[in-house]
Amino acid sequence: MERGDVIGLHIYSYVAGTLSESISQDSARVAEDAVKKALPGVQLKVSKTARKESAADAVGNGSGIFMWAETDKSRVLAGSAVGSKLTDAVKAAAMLGEHLKTGAAVDEHLQDQVYDHPPKSSAFCLWLVYNRLNSLRLFYCS
């Protein structure tokens, strides 16, 4: 299984409670810069979502970031963190950067869940993504 070349970076950063939305925007920027630094010379298509969760969707104060890199072979490698303002962005970017440096097609959390010849049905793929990412939904699955 080949990883392929990294072509895209997707970042979802959030804050909740009394924290300012600017923290999520700064976290997304810091994470993007860190990944680009880890991949010098690579042209990436970047999508960022930075938001403040509504009071109805969150209890208390907090922040977090989830980011994933997409390859031209439809592989996805991720990094995430929750916590203390910009520290979470640096942790998530470092996690993703380490995954990318290995050249592996999957990260260590997914490697024991992949079959050599998975079924061709999209239902299997969506199940894997749903369970692997604790209910986060990936926007596509090939």
C-alpha atoms as a PDB file:
ATOM      1  CA  MET A   1       0.000   0.000   0.000  1.00  0.00           C
ATOM      2  CA  GLU A   2       1.550   3.283  -1.083  1.00  0.00           C
ATOM      3  CA  ARG A   3       0.849   6.569   0.637  1.00  0.00           C
ATOM      4  CA  GLY A   4       1.347   8.821  -2.349  1.00  0.00           C
ATOM      5  CA  ASP A   5       2.138  12.524  -2.301  1.00  0.00           C
ATOM      6  CA  VAL A   6       0.465  14.869   0.148  1.00  0.00           C
ATOM      7  CA  ILE A   7      -1.813  17.207  -1.792  1.00  0.00           C
ATOM      8  CA  GLY A   8      -4.191  18.630   0.780  1.00  0.00           C
ATOM      9  CA  LEU A   9      -4.377  19.782   4.355  1.00  0.00           C
ATOM     10  CA  HIS A  10      -7.663  20.136   6.227  1.00  0.00           C
ATOM     11  CA  ILE A  11      -7.894  21.879   9.588  1.00  0.00           C
ATOM     12  CA  TYR A  12     -10.857  22.113  11.966  1.00  0.00           C
ATOM     13  CA  SER A  13     -10.142  24.291  14.991  1.00  0.00           C
ATOM     14  CA  TYR A  14     -12.667  25.244  17.661  1.00  0.00           C
ATOM     15  CA  VAL A  15     -13.162  27.009  20.966  1.00  0.00           C
ATOM     16  CA  ALA A  16     -16.065  26.957  23.397  1.00  0.00           C
ATOM     17  CA  GLY A  17     -17.294  28.891  26.390  1.00  0.00           C
ATOM     18  CA  THR A  18     -15.752  32.264  27.156  1.00  0.00           C
ATOM     19  CA  LEU A  19     -12.746  31.753  24.882  1.00  0.00           C
ATOM     20  CA  SER A  20     -12.458  34.102  21.924  1.00  0.00           C
ATOM     21  CA  GLU A  21     -12.993  32.821  18.378  1.00  0.00           C
ATOM     22  CA  SER A  22      -9.661  34.443  17.497  1.00  0.00           C
ATOM     23  CA  ILE A  23      -7.962  31.625  19.443  1.00  0.00           C
ATOM     24  CA  SER A  24      -9.362  29.047  17.023  1.00  0.00           C
ATOM     25  CA  GLN A  25      -8.280  31.185  14.071  1.00  0.00           C
ATOM     26  CA  ASP A  26      -4.770  31.568  15.514  1.00  0.00           C
ATOM     27  CA  SER A  27      -4.583  27.822  16.210  1.00  0.00           C
ATOM     28  CA  ALA A  28      -5.523  26.998  12.615  1.00  0.00           C
ATOM     29  CA  ARG A  29      -2.877  29.416  11.307  1.00  0.00           C
ATOM     30  CA  VAL A  30      -0.165  28.034  13.634  1.00  0.00           C
ATOM     31  CA  ALA A  31      -1.013  24.450  12.653  1.00  0.00           C
ATOM     32  CA  GLU A  32      -0.939  25.254   8.928  1.00  0.00           C
ATOM     33  CA  ASP A  33       2.431  26.991   9.258  1.00  0.00           C
ATOM     34  CA  ALA A  34       3.892  24.067  11.210  1.00  0.00           C
ATOM     35  CA  VAL A  35       2.797  21.472   8.657  1.00  0.00           C
ATOM     36  CA  LYS A  36       4.063  23.580   5.759  1.00  0.00           C
ATOM     37  CA  LYS A  37       7.394  23.887   7.580  1.00  0.00           C
ATOM     38  CA  ALA A  38       7.505  20.087   7.962  1.00  0.00           C
ATOM     39  CA  LEU A  39       6.852  19.691   4.210  1.00  0.00           C
ATOM     40  CA  PRO A  40       9.100  22.290   2.561  1.00  0.00           C
ATOM     41  CA  GLY A  41       8.509  22.766  -1.144  1.00  0.00           C
ATOM     42  CA  VAL A  42       5.213  20.846  -1.165  1.00  0.00           C
ATOM     43  CA  GLN A  43       2.273  22.731  -2.642  1.00  0.00           C
ATOM     44  CA  LEU A  44      -0.775  22.037  -0.490  1.00  0.00           C
ATOM     45  CA  LYS A  45      -4.426  22.822  -1.051  1.00  0.00           C
ATOM     46  CA  VAL A  46      -5.480  23.993   2.411  1.00  0.00           C
ATOM     47  CA  SER A  47      -8.982  24.195   3.854  1.00  0.00           C
ATOM     48  CA  LYS A  48      -9.432  25.665   7.314  1.00  0.00           C
ATOM     49  CA  THR A  49     -12.461  25.922   9.552  1.00  0.00           C
ATOM     50  CA  ALA A  50     -12.041  27.952  12.722  1.00  0.00           C
ATOM     51  CA  ARG A  51     -15.114  28.439  14.853  1.00  0.00           C
ATOM     52  CA  LYS A  52     -16.605  29.077  18.222  1.00  0.00           C
ATOM     53  CA  GLU A  53     -19.046  26.388  19.289  1.00  0.00           C
ATOM     54  CA  SER A  54     -22.455  27.577  20.419  1.00  0.00           C
ATOM     55  CA  ALA A  55     -23.334  27.512  24.104  1.00  0.00           C
ATOM     56  CA  ALA A  56     -25.959  24.870  23.284  1.00  0.00           C
ATOM     57  CA  ASP A  57     -23.295  22.532  21.847  1.00  0.00           C
ATOM     58  CA  ALA A  58     -20.649  22.933  24.558  1.00  0.00           C
ATOM     59  CA  VAL A  59     -20.341  22.862  28.318  1.00  0.00           C
ATOM     60  CA  GLY A  60     -17.611  24.988  29.851  1.00  0.00           C
ATOM     61  CA  ASN A  61     -14.491  26.419  28.259  1.00  0.00           C
ATOM     62  CA  GLY A  62     -12.183  24.541  25.944  1.00  0.00           C
ATOM     63  CA  SER A  63     -10.377  24.372  22.657  1.00  0.00           C
ATOM     64  CA  GLY A  64      -9.175  21.758  20.253  1.00  0.00           C
ATOM     65  CA  ILE A  65      -7.983  21.068  16.782  1.00  0.00           C
ATOM     66  CA  PHE A  66      -8.330  18.186  14.336  1.00  0.00           C
ATOM     67  CA  MET A  67      -6.285  18.150  11.141  1.00  0.00           C
ATOM     68  CA  TRP A  68      -5.695  15.677   8.384  1.00  0.00           C
ATOM     69  CA  ALA A  69      -3.529  15.431   5.308  1.00  0.00           C
ATOM     70  CA  GLU A  70      -4.884  13.961   2.098  1.00  0.00           C
ATOM     71  CA  THR A  71      -2.708  12.212  -0.491  1.00  0.00           C
ATOM     72  CA  ASP A  72      -3.066  11.668  -4.220  1.00  0.00           C
ATOM     73  CA  LYS A  73      -3.638   7.952  -3.433  1.00  0.00           C
ATOM     74  CA  SER A  74      -6.705   8.792  -1.284  1.00  0.00           C
ATOM     75  CA  ARG A  75      -4.865   8.141   1.983  1.00  0.00           C
ATOM     76  CA  VAL A  76      -5.629  10.224   5.068  1.00  0.00           C
ATOM     77  CA  LEU A  77      -3.250  10.820   7.989  1.00  0.00           C
ATOM     78  CA  ALA A  78      -4.365  12.854  10.979  1.00  0.00           C
ATOM     79  CA  GLY A  79      -3.311  14.735  14.078  1.00  0.00           C
ATOM     80  CA  SER A  80      -5.440  16.147  16.877  1.00  0.00           C
ATOM     81  CA  ALA A  81      -5.241  17.710  20.299  1.00  0.00           C
ATOM     82  CA  VAL A  82      -7.434  19.371  22.885  1.00  0.00           C
ATOM     83  CA  GLY A  83      -6.371  21.851  25.432  1.00  0.00           C
ATOM     84  CA  SER A  84      -4.567  25.011  26.045  1.00  0.00           C
ATOM     85  CA  LYS A  85      -4.970  27.610  23.357  1.00  0.00           C
ATOM     86  CA  LEU A  86      -2.099  27.517  20.823  1.00  0.00           C
ATOM     87  CA  THR A  87      -0.412  24.537  22.480  1.00  0.00           C
ATOM     88  CA  ASP A  88      -3.021  22.215  20.985  1.00  0.00           C
ATOM     89  CA  ALA A  89      -2.233  23.445  17.470  1.00  0.00           C
ATOM     90  CA  VAL A  90       1.468  22.798  17.939  1.00  0.00           C
ATOM     91  CA  LYS A  91       0.776  19.299  19.341  1.00  0.00           C
ATOM     92  CA  ALA A  92      -1.597  18.380  16.504  1.00  0.00           C
ATOM     93  CA  ALA A  93       0.789  19.679  13.855  1.00  0.00           C
ATOM     94  CA  ALA A  94       3.692  17.782  15.433  1.00  0.00           C
ATOM     95  CA  MET A  95       1.604  14.588  15.490  1.00  0.00           C
ATOM     96  CA  LEU A  96       0.645  14.966  11.834  1.00  0.00           C
ATOM     97  CA  GLY A  97       4.204  15.951  10.902  1.00  0.00           C
ATOM     98  CA  GLU A  98       5.564  12.770  12.518  1.00  0.00           C
ATOM     99  CA  HIS A  99       3.049  10.654  10.595  1.00  0.00           C
ATOM    100  CA  LEU A 100       4.042  12.336   7.333  1.00  0.00           C
ATOM    101  CA  LYS A 101       7.790  11.967   7.944  1.00  0.00           C
ATOM    102  CA  THR A 102       7.489   8.181   8.193  1.00  0.00           C
ATOM    103  CA  GLY A 103       6.199   7.871   4.639  1.00  0.00           C
ATOM    104  CA  ALA A 104       3.695   5.267   5.870  1.00  0.00           C
ATOM    105  CA  ALA A 105       0.299   4.985   4.203  1.00  0.00           C
ATOM    106  CA  VAL A 106      -1.538   4.966   7.554  1.00  0.00           C
ATOM    107  CA  ASP A 107      -0.747   6.125  11.074  1.00  0.00           C
ATOM    108  CA  GLU A 108      -0.073   3.831  14.028  1.00  0.00           C
ATOM    109  CA  HIS A 109      -3.659   4.090  15.261  1.00  0.00           C
ATOM    110  CA  LEU A 110      -5.117   2.764  12.014  1.00  0.00           C
ATOM    111  CA  GLN A 111      -2.515   0.178  11.006  1.00  0.00           C
ATOM    112  CA  ASP A 112      -4.112  -2.698  12.922  1.00  0.00           C
ATOM    113  CA  GLN A 113      -7.571  -1.942  11.510  1.00  0.00           C
ATOM    114  CA  VAL A 114      -6.766  -2.173   7.803  1.00  0.00           C
ATOM    115  CA  TYR A 115      -7.304  -5.285   5.706  1.00  0.00           C
ATOM    116  CA  ASP A 116      -5.005  -6.195   2.828  1.00  0.00           C
ATOM    117  CA  HIS A 117      -8.015  -6.387   0.508  1.00  0.00           C
ATOM    118  CA  PRO A 118     -10.907  -4.425   2.030  1.00  0.00           C
ATOM    119  CA  PRO A 119     -14.407  -4.807   0.616  1.00  0.00           C
ATOM    120  CA  LYS A 120     -15.207  -2.406  -2.201  1.00  0.00           C
ATOM    121  CA  SER A 121     -18.404  -1.166  -0.578  1.00  0.00           C
ATOM    122  CA  SER A 122     -18.523   2.425   0.609  1.00  0.00           C
ATOM    123  CA  ALA A 123     -20.457   1.249   3.672  1.00  0.00           C
ATOM    124  CA  PHE A 124     -17.297  -0.448   4.981  1.00  0.00           C
ATOM    125  CA  CYS A 125     -15.243   2.663   4.435  1.00  0.00           C
ATOM    126  CA  LEU A 126     -17.765   4.927   6.159  1.00  0.00           C
ATOM    127  CA  TRP A 127     -17.985   2.516   9.083  1.00  0.00           C
ATOM    128  CA  LEU A 128     -14.222   2.578   9.484  1.00  0.00           C
ATOM    129  CA  VAL A 129     -14.058   6.367   9.399  1.00  0.00           C
ATOM    130  CA  TYR A 130     -17.003   6.747  11.768  1.00  0.00           C
ATOM    131  CA  ASN A 131     -15.546   4.421  14.393  1.00  0.00           C
ATOM    132  CA  ARG A 132     -11.936   5.521  13.981  1.00  0.00           C
ATOM    133  CA  LEU A 133     -12.665   9.213  14.441  1.00  0.00           C
ATOM    134  CA  ASN A 134     -15.188   8.958  17.275  1.00  0.00           C
ATOM    135  CA  SER A 135     -18.184  10.177  15.296  1.00  0.00           C
ATOM    136  CA  LEU A 136     -16.375  12.820  13.244  1.00  0.00           C
ATOM    137  CA  ARG A 137     -17.454  12.476   9.649  1.00  0.00           C
ATOM    138  CA  LEU A 138     -15.005  12.588   6.797  1.00  0.00           C
ATOM    139  CA  PHE A 139     -16.489  14.378   3.804  1.00  0.00           C
ATOM    140  CA  TYR A 140     -15.615  11.742   1.248  1.00  0.00           C
ATOM    141  CA  CYS A 141     -14.438   8.193   1.121  1.00  0.00           C
ATOM    142  CA  SER A 142     -13.201   6.431  -1.973  1.00  0.00           C
END
